[in-house]
């Protein structure tokens, strides 16, 4: 990883690394992977940063599972689908196995189906009065960008737009 210009005086100073980690957590919640990456980018030795992040996990200041669940809720609010949510979790450095577990729980709870329906209603309202082909194109494009499965999108489309065919 490349190091930033704000390199600490001593890259092995665990106290300074802990302070930097706490300042980062004051700004925003982060996954342990994202926190580790930011500390290394700030110039701290990776083993020191890993020890600090591990300690923060032990004391409960960093909880990857809670963080992943909050990201899933955020993604559902943005009407993202399963694939889009997995990409967002990956972008935020959440462990892949944990991301799949949390997304699987959300899928089982119907979160992504609800998000697809909300997206469908939103597109239907925005495109009311337009030609059916235009509405179809816009709906499928939005669903694809948001990472929804084609099966769910097909069900939503035929339910919301089929009466216009």
N, C-alpha and C. Protein backbone atom coordinates (compact mmCIF):
# COMPACT_ATOMS: atom_id res chain seq x y z
N UNK A 1 0.84 -1.19 0.00
CA UNK A 1 0.00 0.00 0.00
C UNK A 1 0.88 1.25 0.00
N UNK A 2 0.48 2.22 -0.73
CA UNK A 2 1.23 3.48 -0.78
C UNK A 2 0.99 4.26 0.51
N UNK A 3 2.00 4.97 0.94
CA UNK A 3 1.87 5.74 2.17
C UNK A 3 1.56 7.20 1.85
N UNK A 4 0.77 7.81 2.71
CA UNK A 4 0.41 9.21 2.49
C UNK A 4 1.52 10.13 2.99
N UNK A 5 1.36 11.41 2.73
CA UNK A 5 2.37 12.40 3.13
C UNK A 5 2.37 12.68 4.62
N UNK A 6 1.24 12.40 5.30
CA UNK A 6 1.17 12.71 6.73
C UNK A 6 1.71 11.54 7.55
N UNK A 7 2.92 11.16 7.27
CA UNK A 7 3.57 10.04 7.93
C UNK A 7 3.90 10.39 9.38
N UNK A 8 3.63 9.48 10.31
CA UNK A 8 3.96 9.77 11.71
C UNK A 8 5.46 9.78 11.93
N UNK A 9 5.88 10.36 13.04
CA UNK A 9 7.30 10.41 13.35
C UNK A 9 7.88 9.01 13.49
N UNK A 10 7.17 8.13 14.20
CA UNK A 10 7.64 6.77 14.41
C UNK A 10 6.54 5.81 13.98
N UNK A 11 6.78 5.09 12.89
CA UNK A 11 5.74 4.21 12.35
C UNK A 11 5.43 3.03 13.26
N UNK A 12 6.26 2.79 14.26
CA UNK A 12 6.01 1.67 15.17
C UNK A 12 5.45 2.14 16.52
N UNK A 13 5.07 3.41 16.63
CA UNK A 13 4.52 3.96 17.87
C UNK A 13 3.05 3.52 18.00
N UNK A 14 2.81 2.53 18.86
CA UNK A 14 1.47 1.97 19.01
C UNK A 14 0.49 2.98 19.61
N UNK A 15 0.93 3.81 20.53
CA UNK A 15 0.04 4.81 21.13
C UNK A 15 -0.42 5.83 20.08
N UNK A 16 0.50 6.29 19.25
CA UNK A 16 0.14 7.24 18.21
C UNK A 16 -0.80 6.59 17.20
N UNK A 17 -0.55 5.34 16.90
CA UNK A 17 -1.41 4.61 15.97
C UNK A 17 -2.82 4.46 16.55
N UNK A 18 -2.91 4.15 17.83
CA UNK A 18 -4.21 4.02 18.49
C UNK A 18 -4.96 5.35 18.47
N UNK A 19 -4.25 6.44 18.73
CA UNK A 19 -4.88 7.76 18.68
C UNK A 19 -5.39 8.07 17.27
N UNK A 20 -4.61 7.73 16.28
CA UNK A 20 -5.03 7.96 14.89
C UNK A 20 -6.26 7.11 14.57
N UNK A 21 -6.28 5.89 15.05
CA UNK A 21 -7.43 5.01 14.82
C UNK A 21 -8.68 5.57 15.49
N UNK A 22 -8.54 6.06 16.70
CA UNK A 22 -9.70 6.62 17.41
C UNK A 22 -10.21 7.89 16.73
N UNK A 23 -9.28 8.71 16.20
CA UNK A 23 -9.70 9.90 15.44
C UNK A 23 -10.48 9.49 14.19
N UNK A 24 -10.01 8.45 13.50
CA UNK A 24 -10.71 7.97 12.31
C UNK A 24 -12.10 7.45 12.68
N UNK A 25 -12.20 6.75 13.79
CA UNK A 25 -13.50 6.22 14.21
C UNK A 25 -14.44 7.32 14.70
N UNK A 26 -13.86 8.43 15.19
CA UNK A 26 -14.69 9.58 15.57
C UNK A 26 -15.39 10.16 14.35
N UNK A 27 -14.72 10.13 13.21
CA UNK A 27 -15.28 10.68 11.98
C UNK A 27 -16.37 9.80 11.41
N UNK A 28 -16.17 8.49 11.42
CA UNK A 28 -17.15 7.57 10.83
C UNK A 28 -16.85 6.15 11.27
N UNK A 29 -17.92 5.33 11.36
CA UNK A 29 -17.71 3.90 11.60
C UNK A 29 -16.96 3.32 10.42
N UNK A 30 -16.15 2.31 10.69
CA UNK A 30 -15.38 1.66 9.65
C UNK A 30 -15.27 0.18 9.96
N UNK A 31 -15.07 -0.61 8.91
CA UNK A 31 -14.77 -2.02 9.12
C UNK A 31 -13.32 -2.12 9.57
N UNK A 32 -12.97 -3.25 10.14
CA UNK A 32 -11.59 -3.42 10.59
C UNK A 32 -10.63 -3.38 9.40
N UNK A 33 -11.05 -3.91 8.25
CA UNK A 33 -10.21 -3.87 7.06
C UNK A 33 -9.96 -2.45 6.57
N UNK A 34 -11.02 -1.63 6.57
CA UNK A 34 -10.88 -0.25 6.13
C UNK A 34 -10.02 0.55 7.11
N UNK A 35 -10.20 0.29 8.41
CA UNK A 35 -9.41 1.00 9.41
C UNK A 35 -7.94 0.63 9.29
N UNK A 36 -7.66 -0.64 9.11
CA UNK A 36 -6.28 -1.10 8.94
C UNK A 36 -5.64 -0.44 7.72
N UNK A 37 -6.38 -0.41 6.62
CA UNK A 37 -5.86 0.21 5.40
C UNK A 37 -5.54 1.69 5.63
N UNK A 38 -6.44 2.41 6.27
CA UNK A 38 -6.21 3.85 6.51
C UNK A 38 -5.00 4.08 7.41
N UNK A 39 -4.82 3.25 8.43
CA UNK A 39 -3.67 3.41 9.32
C UNK A 39 -2.35 3.15 8.58
N UNK A 40 -2.34 2.14 7.73
CA UNK A 40 -1.14 1.85 6.95
C UNK A 40 -0.88 2.99 5.96
N UNK A 41 -1.94 3.52 5.36
CA UNK A 41 -1.77 4.66 4.45
C UNK A 41 -1.24 5.89 5.17
N UNK A 42 -1.58 6.00 6.46
CA UNK A 42 -1.05 7.13 7.24
C UNK A 42 0.43 6.95 7.59
N UNK A 43 0.96 5.75 7.35
CA UNK A 43 2.38 5.53 7.56
C UNK A 43 2.72 4.62 8.72
N UNK A 44 1.74 4.04 9.38
CA UNK A 44 2.02 3.15 10.50
C UNK A 44 2.39 1.77 9.97
N UNK A 45 3.28 1.12 10.70
CA UNK A 45 3.69 -0.23 10.35
C UNK A 45 2.47 -1.15 10.38
N UNK A 46 2.38 -2.06 9.41
CA UNK A 46 1.19 -2.90 9.29
C UNK A 46 0.98 -3.79 10.52
N UNK A 47 2.05 -4.29 11.11
CA UNK A 47 1.89 -5.15 12.29
C UNK A 47 1.40 -4.34 13.48
N UNK A 48 1.86 -3.11 13.61
CA UNK A 48 1.39 -2.23 14.70
C UNK A 48 -0.08 -1.88 14.46
N UNK A 49 -0.41 -1.51 13.25
CA UNK A 49 -1.80 -1.16 12.93
C UNK A 49 -2.72 -2.35 13.14
N UNK A 50 -2.27 -3.54 12.76
CA UNK A 50 -3.08 -4.75 12.94
C UNK A 50 -3.31 -5.02 14.43
N UNK A 51 -2.29 -4.82 15.24
CA UNK A 51 -2.44 -5.02 16.69
C UNK A 51 -3.43 -4.02 17.27
N UNK A 52 -3.36 -2.77 16.83
CA UNK A 52 -4.28 -1.74 17.31
C UNK A 52 -5.71 -2.07 16.90
N UNK A 53 -5.92 -2.46 15.67
CA UNK A 53 -7.26 -2.79 15.19
C UNK A 53 -7.79 -4.02 15.93
N UNK A 54 -6.94 -5.00 16.16
CA UNK A 54 -7.37 -6.20 16.92
C UNK A 54 -7.81 -5.82 18.32
N UNK A 55 -7.07 -4.94 18.95
CA UNK A 55 -7.43 -4.50 20.31
C UNK A 55 -8.75 -3.72 20.29
N UNK A 56 -8.95 -2.88 19.29
CA UNK A 56 -10.21 -2.13 19.19
C UNK A 56 -11.39 -3.07 18.96
N UNK A 57 -11.15 -4.17 18.26
CA UNK A 57 -12.21 -5.18 18.09
C UNK A 57 -12.50 -5.85 19.43
N UNK A 58 -11.46 -6.18 20.18
CA UNK A 58 -11.63 -6.85 21.48
C UNK A 58 -12.46 -6.01 22.44
N UNK A 59 -12.22 -4.71 22.46
CA UNK A 59 -12.95 -3.84 23.40
C UNK A 59 -14.29 -3.37 22.85
N UNK A 60 -14.61 -3.76 21.62
CA UNK A 60 -15.92 -3.47 21.05
C UNK A 60 -16.06 -2.14 20.32
N UNK A 61 -14.97 -1.45 20.10
CA UNK A 61 -15.05 -0.19 19.37
C UNK A 61 -15.14 -0.40 17.86
N UNK A 62 -14.73 -1.58 17.41
CA UNK A 62 -14.86 -1.95 16.00
C UNK A 62 -15.59 -3.29 15.99
N UNK A 63 -16.75 -3.30 15.32
CA UNK A 63 -17.55 -4.52 15.23
C UNK A 63 -17.96 -4.69 13.77
N UNK A 64 -17.28 -5.58 13.09
CA UNK A 64 -17.51 -5.75 11.65
C UNK A 64 -18.92 -6.22 11.34
N UNK A 65 -19.49 -7.08 12.18
CA UNK A 65 -20.83 -7.59 11.91
C UNK A 65 -21.88 -6.49 12.02
N UNK A 66 -21.80 -5.70 13.08
CA UNK A 66 -22.74 -4.57 13.21
C UNK A 66 -22.55 -3.57 12.07
N UNK A 67 -21.31 -3.32 11.71
CA UNK A 67 -21.02 -2.40 10.63
C UNK A 67 -21.62 -2.91 9.32
N UNK A 68 -21.44 -4.20 9.04
CA UNK A 68 -21.98 -4.79 7.81
C UNK A 68 -23.50 -4.68 7.78
N UNK A 69 -24.14 -4.92 8.91
CA UNK A 69 -25.61 -4.80 8.96
C UNK A 69 -26.05 -3.36 8.70
N UNK A 70 -25.30 -2.40 9.21
CA UNK A 70 -25.68 -1.00 8.98
C UNK A 70 -25.49 -0.63 7.51
N UNK A 71 -24.47 -1.19 6.86
CA UNK A 71 -24.27 -0.94 5.44
C UNK A 71 -25.42 -1.55 4.63
N UNK A 72 -25.88 -2.74 5.02
CA UNK A 72 -27.01 -3.37 4.33
C UNK A 72 -28.26 -2.50 4.47
N UNK A 73 -28.50 -1.98 5.67
CA UNK A 73 -29.67 -1.09 5.86
C UNK A 73 -29.54 0.16 4.98
N UNK A 74 -28.35 0.73 4.92
CA UNK A 74 -28.10 1.90 4.09
C UNK A 74 -28.37 1.57 2.62
N UNK A 75 -27.88 0.42 2.17
CA UNK A 75 -28.06 0.01 0.77
C UNK A 75 -29.54 -0.23 0.46
N UNK A 76 -30.26 -0.82 1.39
CA UNK A 76 -31.69 -1.04 1.18
C UNK A 76 -32.42 0.29 1.05
N UNK A 77 -32.03 1.27 1.82
CA UNK A 77 -32.61 2.60 1.72
C UNK A 77 -32.33 3.26 0.38
N UNK A 78 -31.23 2.90 -0.24
CA UNK A 78 -30.89 3.41 -1.57
C UNK A 78 -31.45 2.52 -2.68
N UNK A 79 -32.25 1.54 -2.30
CA UNK A 79 -32.92 0.60 -3.21
C UNK A 79 -31.93 -0.27 -3.98
N UNK A 80 -30.80 -0.59 -3.37
CA UNK A 80 -29.84 -1.48 -4.02
C UNK A 80 -30.28 -2.92 -3.87
N UNK A 81 -29.86 -3.75 -4.82
CA UNK A 81 -30.14 -5.17 -4.78
C UNK A 81 -29.01 -5.92 -4.11
N UNK A 82 -29.11 -7.24 -4.17
CA UNK A 82 -28.13 -8.09 -3.52
C UNK A 82 -26.73 -7.87 -4.07
N UNK A 83 -26.60 -7.87 -5.39
CA UNK A 83 -25.29 -7.69 -6.03
C UNK A 83 -24.71 -6.31 -5.71
N UNK A 84 -25.53 -5.28 -5.76
CA UNK A 84 -25.07 -3.94 -5.44
C UNK A 84 -24.63 -3.79 -3.99
N UNK A 85 -25.34 -4.48 -3.10
CA UNK A 85 -24.99 -4.43 -1.69
C UNK A 85 -23.67 -5.16 -1.43
N UNK A 86 -23.48 -6.30 -2.08
CA UNK A 86 -22.20 -7.01 -1.94
C UNK A 86 -21.04 -6.16 -2.44
N UNK A 87 -21.25 -5.45 -3.53
CA UNK A 87 -20.20 -4.56 -4.04
C UNK A 87 -19.88 -3.44 -3.05
N UNK A 88 -20.91 -2.89 -2.46
CA UNK A 88 -20.71 -1.81 -1.47
C UNK A 88 -19.95 -2.33 -0.25
N UNK A 89 -20.31 -3.52 0.22
CA UNK A 89 -19.60 -4.11 1.36
C UNK A 89 -18.14 -4.39 1.01
N UNK A 90 -17.90 -4.84 -0.19
CA UNK A 90 -16.54 -5.09 -0.63
C UNK A 90 -15.76 -3.78 -0.70
N UNK A 91 -16.39 -2.74 -1.21
CA UNK A 91 -15.75 -1.43 -1.31
C UNK A 91 -15.38 -0.89 0.07
N UNK A 92 -16.16 -1.28 1.07
CA UNK A 92 -15.91 -0.81 2.44
C UNK A 92 -15.04 -1.79 3.23
N UNK A 93 -14.40 -2.73 2.51
CA UNK A 93 -13.44 -3.67 3.09
C UNK A 93 -14.03 -4.59 4.15
N UNK A 94 -15.28 -4.97 3.98
CA UNK A 94 -15.88 -5.96 4.88
C UNK A 94 -15.46 -7.34 4.36
N UNK A 95 -15.07 -8.21 5.27
CA UNK A 95 -14.67 -9.57 4.92
C UNK A 95 -15.74 -10.23 4.05
N UNK A 96 -15.30 -10.90 2.99
CA UNK A 96 -16.24 -11.47 2.00
C UNK A 96 -17.21 -12.47 2.63
N UNK A 97 -16.71 -13.34 3.50
CA UNK A 97 -17.59 -14.34 4.13
C UNK A 97 -18.65 -13.66 5.00
N UNK A 98 -18.25 -12.65 5.74
CA UNK A 98 -19.20 -11.91 6.57
C UNK A 98 -20.20 -11.17 5.70
N UNK A 99 -19.73 -10.57 4.62
CA UNK A 99 -20.62 -9.85 3.71
C UNK A 99 -21.66 -10.80 3.13
N UNK A 100 -21.24 -11.98 2.70
CA UNK A 100 -22.19 -12.94 2.14
C UNK A 100 -23.19 -13.42 3.19
N UNK A 101 -22.72 -13.58 4.41
CA UNK A 101 -23.62 -14.00 5.49
C UNK A 101 -24.69 -12.95 5.76
N UNK A 102 -24.28 -11.70 5.89
CA UNK A 102 -25.22 -10.63 6.21
C UNK A 102 -26.18 -10.38 5.03
N UNK A 103 -25.66 -10.43 3.82
CA UNK A 103 -26.52 -10.26 2.64
C UNK A 103 -27.50 -11.43 2.53
N UNK A 104 -27.04 -12.63 2.85
CA UNK A 104 -27.93 -13.80 2.84
C UNK A 104 -29.07 -13.65 3.84
N UNK A 105 -28.77 -13.14 5.02
CA UNK A 105 -29.81 -12.90 6.02
C UNK A 105 -30.80 -11.85 5.52
N UNK A 106 -30.29 -10.81 4.88
CA UNK A 106 -31.16 -9.77 4.35
C UNK A 106 -32.03 -10.33 3.23
N UNK A 107 -31.44 -11.16 2.38
CA UNK A 107 -32.21 -11.80 1.29
C UNK A 107 -33.34 -12.64 1.87
N UNK A 108 -33.03 -13.45 2.89
CA UNK A 108 -34.04 -14.30 3.52
C UNK A 108 -35.15 -13.48 4.17
N UNK A 109 -34.82 -12.29 4.63
CA UNK A 109 -35.81 -11.40 5.25
C UNK A 109 -36.61 -10.61 4.21
N UNK A 110 -36.26 -10.75 2.94
CA UNK A 110 -37.00 -10.06 1.88
C UNK A 110 -36.61 -8.62 1.65
N UNK A 111 -35.47 -8.22 2.16
CA UNK A 111 -35.02 -6.84 2.05
C UNK A 111 -34.84 -6.42 0.59
N UNK A 112 -34.26 -7.29 -0.23
CA UNK A 112 -33.97 -6.92 -1.61
C UNK A 112 -35.21 -6.96 -2.49
N UNK A 113 -36.15 -7.81 -2.15
CA UNK A 113 -37.43 -7.81 -2.87
C UNK A 113 -38.16 -6.50 -2.60
N UNK A 114 -38.19 -6.09 -1.33
CA UNK A 114 -38.82 -4.81 -0.98
C UNK A 114 -38.13 -3.65 -1.69
N UNK A 115 -36.80 -3.69 -1.75
CA UNK A 115 -36.06 -2.62 -2.42
C UNK A 115 -36.38 -2.58 -3.92
N UNK A 116 -36.52 -3.76 -4.53
CA UNK A 116 -36.86 -3.81 -5.96
C UNK A 116 -38.25 -3.25 -6.21
N UNK A 117 -39.20 -3.56 -5.34
CA UNK A 117 -40.55 -3.02 -5.48
C UNK A 117 -40.54 -1.50 -5.31
N UNK A 118 -39.78 -1.01 -4.35
CA UNK A 118 -39.68 0.43 -4.13
C UNK A 118 -39.06 1.11 -5.35
N UNK A 119 -38.04 0.50 -5.91
CA UNK A 119 -37.42 1.02 -7.12
C UNK A 119 -38.42 1.03 -8.27
N UNK A 120 -39.16 -0.05 -8.41
CA UNK A 120 -40.16 -0.14 -9.47
C UNK A 120 -41.22 0.94 -9.35
N UNK A 121 -41.72 1.15 -8.14
CA UNK A 121 -42.73 2.20 -7.94
C UNK A 121 -42.15 3.57 -8.23
N UNK A 122 -40.91 3.77 -7.86
CA UNK A 122 -40.24 5.06 -8.11
C UNK A 122 -40.09 5.32 -9.61
N UNK A 123 -39.62 4.32 -10.34
CA UNK A 123 -39.45 4.48 -11.79
C UNK A 123 -40.81 4.65 -12.46
N UNK A 124 -41.80 3.89 -12.01
CA UNK A 124 -43.15 4.00 -12.60
C UNK A 124 -43.70 5.41 -12.41
N UNK A 125 -43.49 5.99 -11.24
CA UNK A 125 -44.00 7.34 -10.98
C UNK A 125 -43.24 8.38 -11.83
N UNK A 126 -41.92 8.22 -11.94
CA UNK A 126 -41.11 9.18 -12.71
C UNK A 126 -41.38 9.10 -14.21
N UNK A 127 -41.76 7.93 -14.68
CA UNK A 127 -41.92 7.76 -16.12
C UNK A 127 -43.38 7.71 -16.56
N UNK A 128 -44.28 8.02 -15.66
CA UNK A 128 -45.71 7.98 -16.00
C UNK A 128 -45.97 8.87 -17.22
N UNK A 129 -46.74 8.35 -18.16
CA UNK A 129 -47.08 9.11 -19.35
C UNK A 129 -46.14 8.89 -20.52
N UNK A 130 -45.00 8.26 -20.28
CA UNK A 130 -44.05 7.98 -21.37
C UNK A 130 -44.42 6.68 -22.07
N UNK A 131 -43.86 6.48 -23.24
CA UNK A 131 -44.08 5.26 -24.00
C UNK A 131 -43.62 4.05 -23.18
N UNK A 132 -44.32 2.93 -23.32
CA UNK A 132 -44.01 1.72 -22.55
C UNK A 132 -42.57 1.25 -22.79
N UNK A 133 -42.07 1.36 -24.01
CA UNK A 133 -40.69 0.94 -24.30
C UNK A 133 -39.68 1.78 -23.53
N UNK A 134 -39.95 3.06 -23.43
CA UNK A 134 -39.06 3.96 -22.68
C UNK A 134 -39.11 3.59 -21.20
N UNK A 135 -40.31 3.37 -20.70
CA UNK A 135 -40.46 2.99 -19.28
C UNK A 135 -39.76 1.67 -19.00
N UNK A 136 -39.90 0.71 -19.90
CA UNK A 136 -39.25 -0.60 -19.73
C UNK A 136 -37.73 -0.43 -19.69
N UNK A 137 -37.20 0.33 -20.63
CA UNK A 137 -35.76 0.55 -20.70
C UNK A 137 -35.24 1.22 -19.43
N UNK A 138 -35.92 2.22 -18.98
CA UNK A 138 -35.48 2.94 -17.78
C UNK A 138 -35.57 2.07 -16.53
N UNK A 139 -36.62 1.27 -16.43
CA UNK A 139 -36.77 0.39 -15.28
C UNK A 139 -35.64 -0.65 -15.25
N UNK A 140 -35.41 -1.31 -16.38
CA UNK A 140 -34.38 -2.35 -16.41
C UNK A 140 -32.98 -1.76 -16.23
N UNK A 141 -32.75 -0.58 -16.74
CA UNK A 141 -31.44 0.06 -16.55
C UNK A 141 -31.22 0.40 -15.07
N UNK A 142 -32.24 0.95 -14.44
CA UNK A 142 -32.13 1.29 -13.01
C UNK A 142 -31.92 0.02 -12.18
N UNK A 143 -32.67 -1.01 -12.48
CA UNK A 143 -32.54 -2.27 -11.74
C UNK A 143 -31.17 -2.89 -11.91
N UNK A 144 -30.63 -2.81 -13.10
CA UNK A 144 -29.28 -3.34 -13.35
C UNK A 144 -28.21 -2.55 -12.62
N UNK A 145 -28.33 -1.22 -12.66
CA UNK A 145 -27.36 -0.37 -11.96
C UNK A 145 -27.39 -0.61 -10.46
N UNK A 146 -28.57 -0.89 -9.93
CA UNK A 146 -28.72 -1.08 -8.48
C UNK A 146 -28.36 -2.50 -8.05
N UNK A 147 -28.15 -3.40 -9.01
CA UNK A 147 -27.69 -4.74 -8.66
C UNK A 147 -28.79 -5.71 -8.27
N UNK A 148 -29.99 -5.55 -8.84
CA UNK A 148 -31.09 -6.47 -8.54
C UNK A 148 -31.04 -7.68 -9.46
N UNK A 149 -31.59 -8.79 -8.98
CA UNK A 149 -31.64 -10.00 -9.81
C UNK A 149 -32.72 -9.84 -10.87
N UNK A 150 -32.49 -10.45 -12.01
CA UNK A 150 -33.45 -10.34 -13.11
C UNK A 150 -34.79 -10.99 -12.76
N UNK A 151 -34.78 -12.04 -11.96
CA UNK A 151 -36.04 -12.68 -11.57
C UNK A 151 -36.94 -11.72 -10.79
N UNK A 152 -36.36 -11.03 -9.83
CA UNK A 152 -37.15 -10.08 -9.04
C UNK A 152 -37.61 -8.92 -9.92
N UNK A 153 -36.71 -8.42 -10.76
CA UNK A 153 -37.07 -7.30 -11.64
C UNK A 153 -38.19 -7.69 -12.60
N UNK A 154 -38.13 -8.90 -13.12
CA UNK A 154 -39.17 -9.36 -14.04
C UNK A 154 -40.54 -9.38 -13.34
N UNK A 155 -40.56 -9.90 -12.12
CA UNK A 155 -41.81 -9.95 -11.36
C UNK A 155 -42.36 -8.54 -11.11
N UNK A 156 -41.50 -7.64 -10.70
CA UNK A 156 -41.92 -6.26 -10.43
C UNK A 156 -42.39 -5.59 -11.72
N UNK A 157 -41.64 -5.77 -12.79
CA UNK A 157 -42.01 -5.11 -14.05
C UNK A 157 -43.39 -5.57 -14.51
N UNK A 158 -43.61 -6.87 -14.55
CA UNK A 158 -44.89 -7.36 -15.07
C UNK A 158 -46.05 -6.98 -14.16
N UNK A 159 -45.79 -6.85 -12.89
CA UNK A 159 -46.85 -6.43 -11.98
C UNK A 159 -47.18 -4.95 -12.14
N UNK A 160 -46.16 -4.11 -12.30
CA UNK A 160 -46.39 -2.67 -12.35
C UNK A 160 -46.70 -2.14 -13.76
N UNK A 161 -46.11 -2.74 -14.78
CA UNK A 161 -46.22 -2.19 -16.13
C UNK A 161 -47.00 -3.05 -17.10
N UNK A 162 -47.34 -4.29 -16.75
CA UNK A 162 -47.97 -5.22 -17.68
C UNK A 162 -49.34 -4.76 -18.15
N UNK A 163 -50.07 -4.04 -17.30
CA UNK A 163 -51.41 -3.60 -17.68
C UNK A 163 -51.39 -2.55 -18.80
N UNK A 164 -50.19 -2.05 -19.14
CA UNK A 164 -50.08 -1.04 -20.18
C UNK A 164 -49.72 -1.63 -21.54
N UNK A 165 -49.40 -2.93 -21.56
CA UNK A 165 -48.96 -3.57 -22.81
C UNK A 165 -50.09 -3.72 -23.81
